[in-house]
Amino acid sequence: MYEYSKDEIEKGIDVPTQINQPAQKIFKTIVLESGSDHFVAVIPIFDHIDMKKATKALGVKRVELLHLNKLFDLTGYVRGGCSPLGMKKQFPTVIADSAQSMDEIIVSAGKIGQRDGS
């Protein structure tokens, strides 16, 4: 478990410095929707999600980012504290290919200020 002060973090991009870990190991959780279906994508913290790749990986025709005002009601998590591990509800999840070449990746532990290495 990696912990950091949420008061010292303006954006997720500040996390590598706060936990003294290389940015390549740190991944963020993105919640997506396609109609009434929901999905999770885990991508490197500095990357932007490629919707074409996500659509193909998830096997759907169209996918879009879940609007932030729906995030808490759907997942039980707030922005910056959404963990892909042990979510309260289960969603199909895809993980960036770059994670496969690493011994460990670091994701949100489900609370702002906490990260978990897996």
PDB file of N, CA and C in Angstrom:
ATOM      1  N   MET A   1       0.852  -1.173   0.000  1.00  0.00           N
ATOM      2  CA  MET A   1       0.000   0.000   0.000  1.00  0.00           C
ATOM      3  C   MET A   1       0.895   1.232   0.000  1.00  0.00           C
ATOM      4  N   TYR A   2       0.617   2.124  -0.907  1.00  0.00           N
ATOM      5  CA  TYR A   2       1.313   3.400  -0.985  1.00  0.00           C
ATOM      6  C   TYR A   2       0.338   4.475  -0.519  1.00  0.00           C
ATOM      7  N   GLU A   3       0.783   5.340   0.371  1.00  0.00           N
ATOM      8  CA  GLU A   3      -0.086   6.412   0.845  1.00  0.00           C
ATOM      9  C   GLU A   3       0.566   7.755   0.566  1.00  0.00           C
ATOM     10  N   TYR A   4      -0.254   8.745   0.328  1.00  0.00           N
ATOM     11  CA  TYR A   4       0.226  10.100   0.084  1.00  0.00           C
ATOM     12  C   TYR A   4      -0.831  11.072   0.577  1.00  0.00           C
ATOM     13  N   SER A   5      -0.419  12.300   0.755  1.00  0.00           N
ATOM     14  CA  SER A   5      -1.343  13.324   1.241  1.00  0.00           C
ATOM     15  C   SER A   5      -2.196  13.831   0.095  1.00  0.00           C
ATOM     16  N   LYS A   6      -3.499  13.646   0.212  1.00  0.00           N
ATOM     17  CA  LYS A   6      -4.376  14.136  -0.856  1.00  0.00           C
ATOM     18  C   LYS A   6      -4.348  15.652  -0.954  1.00  0.00           C
ATOM     19  N   ASP A   7      -3.920  16.322   0.111  1.00  0.00           N
ATOM     20  CA  ASP A   7      -3.823  17.784   0.088  1.00  0.00           C
ATOM     21  C   ASP A   7      -2.680  18.268  -0.804  1.00  0.00           C
ATOM     22  N   GLU A   8      -1.685  17.396  -1.038  1.00  0.00           N
ATOM     23  CA  GLU A   8      -0.528  17.774  -1.846  1.00  0.00           C
ATOM     24  C   GLU A   8      -0.679  17.362  -3.308  1.00  0.00           C
ATOM     25  N   ILE A   9      -1.796  16.753  -3.640  1.00  0.00           N
ATOM     26  CA  ILE A   9      -2.023  16.270  -4.992  1.00  0.00           C
ATOM     27  C   ILE A   9      -3.047  17.157  -5.678  1.00  0.00           C
ATOM     28  N   GLU A  10      -2.639  17.755  -6.784  1.00  0.00           N
ATOM     29  CA  GLU A  10      -3.604  18.527  -7.569  1.00  0.00           C
ATOM     30  C   GLU A  10      -4.267  17.639  -8.602  1.00  0.00           C
ATOM     31  N   LYS A  11      -3.478  16.780  -9.219  1.00  0.00           N
ATOM     32  CA  LYS A  11      -3.962  15.873 -10.252  1.00  0.00           C
ATOM     33  C   LYS A  11      -3.249  14.543 -10.084  1.00  0.00           C
ATOM     34  N   GLY A  12      -3.774  13.524 -10.756  1.00  0.00           N
ATOM     35  CA  GLY A  12      -3.150  12.209 -10.705  1.00  0.00           C
ATOM     36  C   GLY A  12      -1.703  12.219 -11.159  1.00  0.00           C
ATOM     37  N   ILE A  13      -1.355  13.192 -11.997  1.00  0.00           N
ATOM     38  CA  ILE A  13       0.016  13.234 -12.499  1.00  0.00           C
ATOM     39  C   ILE A  13       1.019  13.556 -11.399  1.00  0.00           C
ATOM     40  N   ASP A  14       0.554  14.029 -10.250  1.00  0.00           N
ATOM     41  CA  ASP A  14       1.440  14.307  -9.121  1.00  0.00           C
ATOM     42  C   ASP A  14       1.757  13.054  -8.305  1.00  0.00           C
ATOM     43  N   VAL A  15       1.027  11.977  -8.515  1.00  0.00           N
ATOM     44  CA  VAL A  15       1.173  10.771  -7.700  1.00  0.00           C
ATOM     45  C   VAL A  15       2.575  10.167  -7.763  1.00  0.00           C
ATOM     46  N   PRO A  16       3.205  10.007  -8.941  1.00  0.00           N
ATOM     47  CA  PRO A  16       4.535   9.381  -8.959  1.00  0.00           C
ATOM     48  C   PRO A  16       5.530  10.053  -8.016  1.00  0.00           C
ATOM     49  N   THR A  17       5.534  11.368  -7.991  1.00  0.00           N
ATOM     50  CA  THR A  17       6.438  12.101  -7.105  1.00  0.00           C
ATOM     51  C   THR A  17       6.097  11.845  -5.647  1.00  0.00           C
ATOM     52  N   GLN A  18       4.818  11.844  -5.323  1.00  0.00           N
ATOM     53  CA  GLN A  18       4.389  11.677  -3.934  1.00  0.00           C
ATOM     54  C   GLN A  18       4.702  10.291  -3.371  1.00  0.00           C
ATOM     55  N   ILE A  19       4.624   9.252  -4.204  1.00  0.00           N
ATOM     56  CA  ILE A  19       4.886   7.904  -3.688  1.00  0.00           C
ATOM     57  C   ILE A  19       6.261   7.378  -4.098  1.00  0.00           C
ATOM     58  N   ASN A  20       7.047   8.251  -4.748  1.00  0.00           N
ATOM     59  CA  ASN A  20       8.415   7.911  -5.127  1.00  0.00           C
ATOM     60  C   ASN A  20       8.486   6.619  -5.955  1.00  0.00           C
ATOM     61  N   GLN A  21       7.646   6.554  -6.965  1.00  0.00           N
ATOM     62  CA  GLN A  21       7.609   5.406  -7.868  1.00  0.00           C
ATOM     63  C   GLN A  21       7.605   5.915  -9.305  1.00  0.00           C
ATOM     64  N   PRO A  22       8.170   5.126 -10.227  1.00  0.00           N
ATOM     65  CA  PRO A  22       8.179   5.572 -11.620  1.00  0.00           C
ATOM     66  C   PRO A  22       6.762   5.657 -12.195  1.00  0.00           C
ATOM     67  N   ALA A  23       6.530   6.682 -12.979  1.00  0.00           N
ATOM     68  CA  ALA A  23       5.201   6.913 -13.555  1.00  0.00           C
ATOM     69  C   ALA A  23       4.732   5.737 -14.407  1.00  0.00           C
ATOM     70  N   GLN A  24       5.656   5.010 -15.042  1.00  0.00           N
ATOM     71  CA  GLN A  24       5.280   3.892 -15.907  1.00  0.00           C
ATOM     72  C   GLN A  24       4.534   2.799 -15.149  1.00  0.00           C
ATOM     73  N   LYS A  25       4.735   2.717 -13.836  1.00  0.00           N
ATOM     74  CA  LYS A  25       4.084   1.681 -13.024  1.00  0.00           C
ATOM     75  C   LYS A  25       2.702   2.097 -12.535  1.00  0.00           C
ATOM     76  N   ILE A  26       2.355   3.365 -12.681  1.00  0.00           N
ATOM     77  CA  ILE A  26       1.122   3.870 -12.083  1.00  0.00           C
ATOM     78  C   ILE A  26       0.024   3.954 -13.142  1.00  0.00           C
ATOM     79  N   PHE A  27      -1.099   3.328 -12.829  1.00  0.00           N
ATOM     80  CA  PHE A  27      -2.220   3.240 -13.754  1.00  0.00           C
ATOM     81  C   PHE A  27      -3.455   3.893 -13.144  1.00  0.00           C
ATOM     82  N   LYS A  28      -4.325   4.389 -14.014  1.00  0.00           N
ATOM     83  CA  LYS A  28      -5.568   5.007 -13.554  1.00  0.00           C
ATOM     84  C   LYS A  28      -6.750   4.173 -14.036  1.00  0.00           C
ATOM     85  N   THR A  29      -7.857   4.342 -13.355  1.00  0.00           N
ATOM     86  CA  THR A  29      -9.079   3.610 -13.656  1.00  0.00           C
ATOM     87  C   THR A  29     -10.053   4.537 -14.379  1.00  0.00           C
ATOM     88  N   ILE A  30     -10.526   4.088 -15.521  1.00  0.00           N
ATOM     89  CA  ILE A  30     -11.485   4.846 -16.314  1.00  0.00           C
ATOM     90  C   ILE A  30     -12.767   4.018 -16.401  1.00  0.00           C
ATOM     91  N   VAL A  31     -13.899   4.624 -16.089  1.00  0.00           N
ATOM     92  CA  VAL A  31     -15.179   3.928 -16.205  1.00  0.00           C
ATOM     93  C   VAL A  31     -15.858   4.397 -17.490  1.00  0.00           C
ATOM     94  N   LEU A  32     -16.298   3.424 -18.267  1.00  0.00           N
ATOM     95  CA  LEU A  32     -16.889   3.679 -19.579  1.00  0.00           C
ATOM     96  C   LEU A  32     -18.320   3.167 -19.622  1.00  0.00           C
ATOM     97  N   GLU A  33     -19.084   3.687 -20.573  1.00  0.00           N
ATOM     98  CA  GLU A  33     -20.429   3.154 -20.761  1.00  0.00           C
ATOM     99  C   GLU A  33     -20.737   2.990 -22.241  1.00  0.00           C
ATOM    100  N   SER A  34     -21.573   2.004 -22.498  1.00  0.00           N
ATOM    101  CA  SER A  34     -22.077   1.737 -23.839  1.00  0.00           C
ATOM    102  C   SER A  34     -23.552   1.396 -23.660  1.00  0.00           C
ATOM    103  N   GLY A  35     -24.405   2.366 -23.936  1.00  0.00           N
ATOM    104  CA  GLY A  35     -25.827   2.176 -23.650  1.00  0.00           C
ATOM    105  C   GLY A  35     -26.021   2.008 -22.150  1.00  0.00           C
ATOM    106  N   SER A  36     -26.620   0.898 -21.746  1.00  0.00           N
ATOM    107  CA  SER A  36     -26.828   0.644 -20.314  1.00  0.00           C
ATOM    108  C   SER A  36     -25.730  -0.232 -19.714  1.00  0.00           C
ATOM    109  N   ASP A  37     -24.724  -0.592 -20.512  1.00  0.00           N
ATOM    110  CA  ASP A  37     -23.615  -1.422 -20.032  1.00  0.00           C
ATOM    111  C   ASP A  37     -22.451  -0.547 -19.589  1.00  0.00           C
ATOM    112  N   HIS A  38     -21.732  -1.034 -18.584  1.00  0.00           N
ATOM    113  CA  HIS A  38     -20.599  -0.280 -18.036  1.00  0.00           C
ATOM    114  C   HIS A  38     -19.355  -1.152 -18.012  1.00  0.00           C
ATOM    115  N   PHE A  39     -18.210  -0.498 -18.164  1.00  0.00           N
ATOM    116  CA  PHE A  39     -16.934  -1.187 -18.262  1.00  0.00           C
ATOM    117  C   PHE A  39     -15.869  -0.393 -17.522  1.00  0.00           C
ATOM    118  N   VAL A  40     -14.755  -1.068 -17.242  1.00  0.00           N
ATOM    119  CA  VAL A  40     -13.617  -0.418 -16.605  1.00  0.00           C
ATOM    120  C   VAL A  40     -12.398  -0.620 -17.497  1.00  0.00           C
ATOM    121  N   ALA A  41     -11.625   0.433 -17.668  1.00  0.00           N
ATOM    122  CA  ALA A  41     -10.348   0.362 -18.377  1.00  0.00           C
ATOM    123  C   ALA A  41      -9.262   0.841 -17.420  1.00  0.00           C
ATOM    124  N   VAL A  42      -8.148   0.133 -17.418  1.00  0.00           N
ATOM    125  CA  VAL A  42      -7.012   0.491 -16.570  1.00  0.00           C
ATOM    126  C   VAL A  42      -5.869   0.845 -17.509  1.00  0.00           C
ATOM    127  N   ILE A  43      -5.453   2.118 -17.457  1.00  0.00           N
ATOM    128  CA  ILE A  43      -4.451   2.609 -18.402  1.00  0.00           C
ATOM    129  C   ILE A  43      -3.364   3.389 -17.658  1.00  0.00           C
ATOM    130  N   PRO A  44      -2.182   3.541 -18.274  1.00  0.00           N
ATOM    131  CA  PRO A  44      -1.123   4.329 -17.631  1.00  0.00           C
ATOM    132  C   PRO A  44      -1.604   5.731 -17.278  1.00  0.00           C
ATOM    133  N   ILE A  45      -1.116   6.229 -16.168  1.00  0.00           N
ATOM    134  CA  ILE A  45      -1.603   7.489 -15.596  1.00  0.00           C
ATOM    135  C   ILE A  45      -1.457   8.684 -16.543  1.00  0.00           C
ATOM    136  N   PHE A  46      -0.446   8.687 -17.398  1.00  0.00           N
ATOM    137  CA  PHE A  46      -0.247   9.820 -18.299  1.00  0.00           C
ATOM    138  C   PHE A  46      -0.937   9.641 -19.650  1.00  0.00           C
ATOM    139  N   ASP A  47      -1.522   8.478 -19.899  1.00  0.00           N
ATOM    140  CA  ASP A  47      -2.155   8.211 -21.192  1.00  0.00           C
ATOM    141  C   ASP A  47      -3.592   8.725 -21.237  1.00  0.00           C
ATOM    142  N   HIS A  48      -4.045   8.946 -22.448  1.00  0.00           N
ATOM    143  CA  HIS A  48      -5.457   9.221 -22.713  1.00  0.00           C
ATOM    144  C   HIS A  48      -6.030   7.939 -23.289  1.00  0.00           C
ATOM    145  N   ILE A  49      -7.253   7.645 -22.955  1.00  0.00           N
ATOM    146  CA  ILE A  49      -7.840   6.403 -23.447  1.00  0.00           C
ATOM    147  C   ILE A  49      -8.105   6.493 -24.947  1.00  0.00           C
ATOM    148  N   ASP A  50      -7.755   5.434 -25.641  1.00  0.00           N
ATOM    149  CA  ASP A  50      -8.014   5.316 -27.069  1.00  0.00           C
ATOM    150  C   ASP A  50      -9.370   4.621 -27.205  1.00  0.00           C
ATOM    151  N   MET A  51     -10.389   5.376 -27.545  1.00  0.00           N
ATOM    152  CA  MET A  51     -11.748   4.832 -27.592  1.00  0.00           C
ATOM    153  C   MET A  51     -11.902   3.738 -28.647  1.00  0.00           C
ATOM    154  N   LYS A  52     -11.174   3.838 -29.751  1.00  0.00           N
ATOM    155  CA  LYS A  52     -11.251   2.785 -30.770  1.00  0.00           C
ATOM    156  C   LYS A  52     -10.714   1.470 -30.215  1.00  0.00           C
ATOM    157  N   LYS A  53      -9.579   1.533 -29.518  1.00  0.00           N
ATOM    158  CA  LYS A  53      -9.017   0.319 -28.917  1.00  0.00           C
ATOM    159  C   LYS A  53      -9.933  -0.225 -27.831  1.00  0.00           C
ATOM    160  N   ALA A  54     -10.496   0.661 -27.024  1.00  0.00           N
ATOM    161  CA  ALA A  54     -11.396   0.229 -25.949  1.00  0.00           C
ATOM    162  C   ALA A  54     -12.629  -0.451 -26.532  1.00  0.00           C
ATOM    163  N   THR A  55     -13.196   0.140 -27.569  1.00  0.00           N
ATOM    164  CA  THR A  55     -14.375  -0.431 -28.213  1.00  0.00           C
ATOM    165  C   THR A  55     -14.076  -1.833 -28.728  1.00  0.00           C
ATOM    166  N   LYS A  56     -12.944  -1.977 -29.378  1.00  0.00           N
ATOM    167  CA  LYS A  56     -12.556  -3.278 -29.926  1.00  0.00           C
ATOM    168  C   LYS A  56     -12.305  -4.285 -28.804  1.00  0.00           C
ATOM    169  N   ALA A  57     -11.565  -3.885 -27.777  1.00  0.00           N
ATOM    170  CA  ALA A  57     -11.249  -4.794 -26.666  1.00  0.00           C
ATOM    171  C   ALA A  57     -12.501  -5.239 -25.917  1.00  0.00           C
ATOM    172  N   LEU A  58     -13.481  -4.360 -25.826  1.00  0.00           N
ATOM    173  CA  LEU A  58     -14.707  -4.672 -25.089  1.00  0.00           C
ATOM    174  C   LEU A  58     -15.767  -5.342 -25.961  1.00  0.00           C
ATOM    175  N   GLY A  59     -15.551  -5.343 -27.264  1.00  0.00           N
ATOM    176  CA  GLY A  59     -16.491  -5.999 -28.166  1.00  0.00           C
ATOM    177  C   GLY A  59     -17.829  -5.288 -28.299  1.00  0.00           C
ATOM    178  N   VAL A  60     -17.790  -3.966 -28.246  1.00  0.00           N
ATOM    179  CA  VAL A  60     -19.014  -3.174 -28.398  1.00  0.00           C
ATOM    180  C   VAL A  60     -18.858  -2.242 -29.597  1.00  0.00           C
ATOM    181  N   LYS A  61     -19.976  -1.713 -30.066  1.00  0.00           N
ATOM    182  CA  LYS A  61     -19.929  -0.822 -31.227  1.00  0.00           C
ATOM    183  C   LYS A  61     -19.471   0.579 -30.871  1.00  0.00           C
ATOM    184  N   ARG A  62     -19.850   1.024 -29.673  1.00  0.00           N
ATOM    185  CA  ARG A  62     -19.534   2.400 -29.264  1.00  0.00           C
ATOM    186  C   ARG A  62     -19.353   2.424 -27.761  1.00  0.00           C
ATOM    187  N   VAL A  63     -18.419   3.232 -27.309  1.00  0.00           N
ATOM    188  CA  VAL A  63     -18.191   3.385 -25.874  1.00  0.00           C
ATOM    189  C   VAL A  63     -17.841   4.842 -25.607  1.00  0.00           C
ATOM    190  N   GLU A  64     -18.228   5.328 -24.438  1.00  0.00           N
ATOM    191  CA  GLU A  64     -17.875   6.701 -24.072  1.00  0.00           C
ATOM    192  C   GLU A  64     -17.553   6.749 -22.591  1.00  0.00           C
ATOM    193  N   LEU A  65     -16.892   7.827 -22.194  1.00  0.00           N
ATOM    194  CA  LEU A  65     -16.575   8.013 -20.780  1.00  0.00           C
ATOM    195  C   LEU A  65     -17.857   8.174 -19.981  1.00  0.00           C
ATOM    196  N   LEU A  66     -17.891   7.561 -18.817  1.00  0.00           N
ATOM    197  CA  LEU A  66     -19.013   7.765 -17.912  1.00  0.00           C
ATOM    198  C   LEU A  66     -18.938   9.192 -17.390  1.00  0.00           C
ATOM    199  N   HIS A  67     -20.048   9.900 -17.401  1.00  0.00           N
ATOM    200  CA  HIS A  67     -20.058  11.272 -16.892  1.00  0.00           C
ATOM    201  C   HIS A  67     -19.745  11.244 -15.400  1.00  0.00           C
ATOM    202  N   LEU A  68     -18.916  12.179 -14.953  1.00  0.00           N
ATOM    203  CA  LEU A  68     -18.481  12.201 -13.549  1.00  0.00           C
ATOM    204  C   LEU A  68     -19.634  12.258 -12.555  1.00  0.00           C
ATOM    205  N   ASN A  69     -20.735  12.885 -12.924  1.00  0.00           N
ATOM    206  CA  ASN A  69     -21.840  12.965 -11.968  1.00  0.00           C
ATOM    207  C   ASN A  69     -22.543  11.621 -11.768  1.00  0.00           C
ATOM    208  N   LYS A  70     -22.206  10.616 -12.571  1.00  0.00           N
ATOM    209  CA  LYS A  70     -22.764   9.269 -12.415  1.00  0.00           C
ATOM    210  C   LYS A  70     -21.800   8.321 -11.697  1.00  0.00           C
ATOM    211  N   LEU A  71     -20.539   8.725 -11.560  1.00  0.00           N
ATOM    212  CA  LEU A  71     -19.502   7.824 -11.066  1.00  0.00           C
ATOM    213  C   LEU A  71     -19.797   7.268  -9.675  1.00  0.00           C
ATOM    214  N   PHE A  72     -20.098   8.119  -8.723  1.00  0.00           N
ATOM    215  CA  PHE A  72     -20.307   7.645  -7.353  1.00  0.00           C
ATOM    216  C   PHE A  72     -21.521   6.726  -7.255  1.00  0.00           C
ATOM    217  N   ASP A  73     -22.617   7.116  -7.872  1.00  0.00           N
ATOM    218  CA  ASP A  73     -23.820   6.281  -7.798  1.00  0.00           C
ATOM    219  C   ASP A  73     -23.600   4.908  -8.422  1.00  0.00           C
ATOM    220  N   LEU A  74     -22.823   4.853  -9.491  1.00  0.00           N
ATOM    221  CA  LEU A  74     -22.588   3.582 -10.174  1.00  0.00           C
ATOM    222  C   LEU A  74     -21.567   2.714  -9.451  1.00  0.00           C
ATOM    223  N   THR A  75     -20.458   3.318  -9.023  1.00  0.00           N
ATOM    224  CA  THR A  75     -19.336   2.529  -8.493  1.00  0.00           C
ATOM    225  C   THR A  75     -19.169   2.601  -6.980  1.00  0.00           C
ATOM    226  N   GLY A  76     -19.656   3.671  -6.374  1.00  0.00           N
ATOM    227  CA  GLY A  76     -19.410   3.883  -4.944  1.00  0.00           C
ATOM    228  C   GLY A  76     -18.093   4.588  -4.685  1.00  0.00           C
ATOM    229  N   TYR A  77     -17.422   5.023  -5.754  1.00  0.00           N
ATOM    230  CA  TYR A  77     -16.135   5.705  -5.638  1.00  0.00           C
ATOM    231  C   TYR A  77     -16.233   7.121  -6.204  1.00  0.00           C
ATOM    232  N   VAL A  78     -15.335   7.988  -5.729  1.00  0.00           N
ATOM    233  CA  VAL A  78     -15.243   9.339  -6.267  1.00  0.00           C
ATOM    234  C   VAL A  78     -14.092   9.402  -7.260  1.00  0.00           C
ATOM    235  N   ARG A  79     -14.064  10.448  -8.072  1.00  0.00           N
ATOM    236  CA  ARG A  79     -12.963  10.635  -9.020  1.00  0.00           C
ATOM    237  C   ARG A  79     -11.650  10.696  -8.245  1.00  0.00           C
ATOM    238  N   GLY A  80     -10.675   9.946  -8.720  1.00  0.00           N
ATOM    239  CA  GLY A  80      -9.368   9.906  -8.067  1.00  0.00           C
ATOM    240  C   GLY A  80      -9.273   8.814  -7.016  1.00  0.00           C
ATOM    241  N   GLY A  81     -10.377   8.163  -6.713  1.00  0.00           N
ATOM    242  CA  GLY A  81     -10.370   7.097  -5.713  1.00  0.00           C
ATOM    243  C   GLY A  81     -11.078   5.855  -6.205  1.00  0.00           C
ATOM    244  N   CYS A  82     -11.144   5.675  -7.510  1.00  0.00           N
ATOM    245  CA  CYS A  82     -11.871   4.554  -8.111  1.00  0.00           C
ATOM    246  C   CYS A  82     -10.901   3.398  -8.350  1.00  0.00           C
ATOM    247  N   SER A  83     -11.053   2.334  -7.588  1.00  0.00           N
ATOM    248  CA  SER A  83     -10.158   1.187  -7.705  1.00  0.00           C
ATOM    249  C   SER A  83     -10.726   0.144  -8.659  1.00  0.00           C
ATOM    250  N   PRO A  84      -9.876  -0.444  -9.509  1.00  0.00           N
ATOM    251  CA  PRO A  84     -10.357  -1.527 -10.363  1.00  0.00           C
ATOM    252  C   PRO A  84     -10.385  -2.868  -9.623  1.00  0.00           C
ATOM    253  N   LEU A  85      -9.846  -2.900  -8.414  1.00  0.00           N
ATOM    254  CA  LEU A  85      -9.774  -4.139  -7.633  1.00  0.00           C
ATOM    255  C   LEU A  85     -10.893  -4.189  -6.601  1.00  0.00           C
ATOM    256  N   GLY A  86     -11.635  -5.264  -6.576  1.00  0.00           N
ATOM    257  CA  GLY A  86     -12.665  -5.443  -5.564  1.00  0.00           C
ATOM    258  C   GLY A  86     -13.760  -4.405  -5.597  1.00  0.00           C
ATOM    259  N   MET A  87     -14.133  -3.970  -6.791  1.00  0.00           N
ATOM    260  CA  MET A  87     -15.213  -2.982  -6.895  1.00  0.00           C
ATOM    261  C   MET A  87     -16.484  -3.533  -6.261  1.00  0.00           C
ATOM    262  N   LYS A  88     -17.293  -2.641  -5.762  1.00  0.00           N
ATOM    263  CA  LYS A  88     -18.552  -3.031  -5.129  1.00  0.00           C
ATOM    264  C   LYS A  88     -19.477  -3.720  -6.130  1.00  0.00           C
ATOM    265  N   LYS A  89     -19.424  -3.293  -7.378  1.00  0.00           N
ATOM    266  CA  LYS A  89     -20.144  -3.942  -8.476  1.00  0.00           C
ATOM    267  C   LYS A  89     -19.084  -4.459  -9.442  1.00  0.00           C
ATOM    268  N   GLN A  90     -19.364  -5.560 -10.090  1.00  0.00           N
ATOM    269  CA  GLN A  90     -18.420  -6.137 -11.039  1.00  0.00           C
ATOM    270  C   GLN A  90     -18.694  -5.608 -12.445  1.00  0.00           C
ATOM    271  N   PHE A  91     -17.643  -5.166 -13.111  1.00  0.00           N
ATOM    272  CA  PHE A  91     -17.747  -4.669 -14.479  1.00  0.00           C
ATOM    273  C   PHE A  91     -16.693  -5.366 -15.328  1.00  0.00           C
ATOM    274  N   PRO A  92     -17.005  -5.677 -16.590  1.00  0.00           N
ATOM    275  CA  PRO A  92     -15.957  -6.180 -17.476  1.00  0.00           C
ATOM    276  C   PRO A  92     -14.813  -5.166 -17.484  1.00  0.00           C
ATOM    277  N   THR A  93     -13.592  -5.671 -17.386  1.00  0.00           N
ATOM    278  CA  THR A  93     -12.423  -4.798 -17.237  1.00  0.00           C
ATOM    279  C   THR A  93     -11.354  -5.146 -18.260  1.00  0.00           C
ATOM    280  N   VAL A  94     -10.776  -4.125 -18.863  1.00  0.00           N
ATOM    281  CA  VAL A  94      -9.633  -4.302 -19.758  1.00  0.00           C
ATOM    282  C   VAL A  94      -8.457  -3.519 -19.183  1.00  0.00           C
ATOM    283  N   ILE A  95      -7.278  -4.080 -19.372  1.00  0.00           N
ATOM    284  CA  ILE A  95      -6.056  -3.465 -18.842  1.00  0.00           C
ATOM    285  C   ILE A  95      -5.104  -3.219 -20.008  1.00  0.00           C
ATOM    286  N   ALA A  96      -4.478  -2.069 -20.022  1.00  0.00           N
ATOM    287  CA  ALA A  96      -3.547  -1.701 -21.095  1.00  0.00           C
ATOM    288  C   ALA A  96      -2.487  -2.781 -21.287  1.00  0.00           C
ATOM    289  N   ASP A  97      -2.149  -3.038 -22.531  1.00  0.00           N
ATOM    290  CA  ASP A  97      -1.138  -4.042 -22.860  1.00  0.00           C
ATOM    291  C   ASP A  97       0.182  -3.793 -22.142  1.00  0.00           C
ATOM    292  N   SER A  98       0.525  -2.534 -21.928  1.00  0.00           N
ATOM    293  CA  SER A  98       1.814  -2.208 -21.303  1.00  0.00           C
ATOM    294  C   SER A  98       1.941  -2.779 -19.893  1.00  0.00           C
ATOM    295  N   ALA A  99       0.839  -3.078 -19.241  1.00  0.00           N
ATOM    296  CA  ALA A  99       0.883  -3.636 -17.878  1.00  0.00           C
ATOM    297  C   ALA A  99       1.454  -5.048 -17.865  1.00  0.00           C
ATOM    298  N   GLN A 100       1.316  -5.769 -18.973  1.00  0.00           N
ATOM    299  CA  GLN A 100       1.760  -7.159 -19.011  1.00  0.00           C
ATOM    300  C   GLN A 100       3.268  -7.310 -18.905  1.00  0.00           C
ATOM    301  N   SER A 101       4.009  -6.298 -19.267  1.00  0.00           N
ATOM    302  CA  SER A 101       5.470  -6.390 -19.227  1.00  0.00           C
ATOM    303  C   SER A 101       6.040  -5.985 -17.869  1.00  0.00           C
ATOM    304  N   MET A 102       5.182  -5.683 -16.911  1.00  0.00           N
ATOM    305  CA  MET A 102       5.641  -5.204 -15.604  1.00  0.00           C
ATOM    306  C   MET A 102       5.412  -6.246 -14.517  1.00  0.00           C
ATOM    307  N   ASP A 103       6.328  -6.262 -13.550  1.00  0.00           N
ATOM    308  CA  ASP A 103       6.165  -7.147 -12.396  1.00  0.00           C
ATOM    309  C   ASP A 103       5.072  -6.643 -11.471  1.00  0.00           C
ATOM    310  N   GLU A 104       4.885  -5.333 -11.437  1.00  0.00           N
ATOM    311  CA  GLU A 104       3.897  -4.722 -10.556  1.00  0.00           C
ATOM    312  C   GLU A 104       3.343  -3.479 -11.232  1.00  0.00           C
ATOM    313  N   ILE A 105       2.038  -3.273 -11.080  1.00  0.00           N
ATOM    314  CA  ILE A 105       1.455  -1.987 -11.450  1.00  0.00           C
ATOM    315  C   ILE A 105       0.787  -1.427 -10.199  1.00  0.00           C
ATOM    316  N   ILE A 106       0.652  -0.119 -10.160  1.00  0.00           N
ATOM    317  CA  ILE A 106       0.071   0.549  -8.999  1.00  0.00           C
ATOM    318  C   ILE A 106      -1.226   1.211  -9.444  1.00  0.00           C
ATOM    319  N   VAL A 107      -2.311   0.878  -8.739  1.00  0.00           N
ATOM    320  CA  VAL A 107      -3.636   1.418  -9.052  1.00  0.00           C
ATOM    321  C   VAL A 107      -4.234   2.030  -7.800  1.00  0.00           C
ATOM    322  N   SER A 108      -5.314   2.755  -7.961  1.00  0.00           N
ATOM    323  CA  SER A 108      -6.002   3.328  -6.804  1.00  0.00           C
ATOM    324  C   SER A 108      -6.448   2.214  -5.869  1.00  0.00           C
ATOM    325  N   ALA A 109      -6.315   2.457  -4.580  1.00  0.00           N
ATOM    326  CA  ALA A 109      -6.747   1.484  -3.576  1.00  0.00           C
ATOM    327  C   ALA A 109      -8.185   1.742  -3.140  1.00  0.00           C
ATOM    328  N   GLY A 110      -8.886   2.620  -3.830  1.00  0.00           N
ATOM    329  CA  GLY A 110     -10.291   2.866  -3.532  1.00  0.00           C
ATOM    330  C   GLY A 110     -10.550   4.074  -2.664  1.00  0.00           C
ATOM    331  N   LYS A 111      -9.494   4.834  -2.418  1.00  0.00           N
ATOM    332  CA  LYS A 111      -9.632   6.037  -1.604  1.00  0.00           C
ATOM    333  C   LYS A 111      -8.570   7.024  -2.069  1.00  0.00           C
ATOM    334  N   ILE A 112      -8.931   8.285  -2.203  1.00  0.00           N
ATOM    335  CA  ILE A 112      -7.939   9.285  -2.583  1.00  0.00           C
ATOM    336  C   ILE A 112      -6.862   9.308  -1.510  1.00  0.00           C
ATOM    337  N   GLY A 113      -5.616   9.224  -1.942  1.00  0.00           N
ATOM    338  CA  GLY A 113      -4.495   9.214  -1.006  1.00  0.00           C
ATOM    339  C   GLY A 113      -3.941   7.821  -0.765  1.00  0.00           C
ATOM    340  N   GLN A 114      -4.517   6.810  -1.424  1.00  0.00           N
ATOM    341  CA  GLN A 114      -4.010   5.448  -1.271  1.00  0.00           C
ATOM    342  C   GLN A 114      -3.898   4.777  -2.633  1.00  0.00           C
ATOM    343  N   ARG A 115      -2.790   4.077  -2.812  1.00  0.00           N
ATOM    344  CA  ARG A 115      -2.537   3.308  -4.029  1.00  0.00           C
ATOM    345  C   ARG A 115      -2.120   1.908  -3.615  1.00  0.00           C
ATOM    346  N   ASP A 116      -2.455   0.927  -4.450  1.00  0.00           N
ATOM    347  CA  ASP A 116      -2.136  -0.463  -4.173  1.00  0.00           C
ATOM    348  C   ASP A 116      -1.300  -1.008  -5.316  1.00  0.00           C
ATOM    349  N   GLY A 117      -0.246  -1.738  -4.973  1.00  0.00           N
ATOM    350  CA  GLY A 117       0.581  -2.392  -5.979  1.00  0.00           C
ATOM    351  C   GLY A 117       0.131  -3.825  -6.127  1.00  0.00           C
ATOM    352  N   SER A 118      -0.044  -4.265  -7.362  1.00  0.00           N
ATOM    353  CA  SER A 118      -0.501  -5.634  -7.618  1.00  0.00           C
ATOM    354  C   SER A 118       0.367  -6.272  -8.676  1.00  0.00           C
TER     355      SER A 118
END
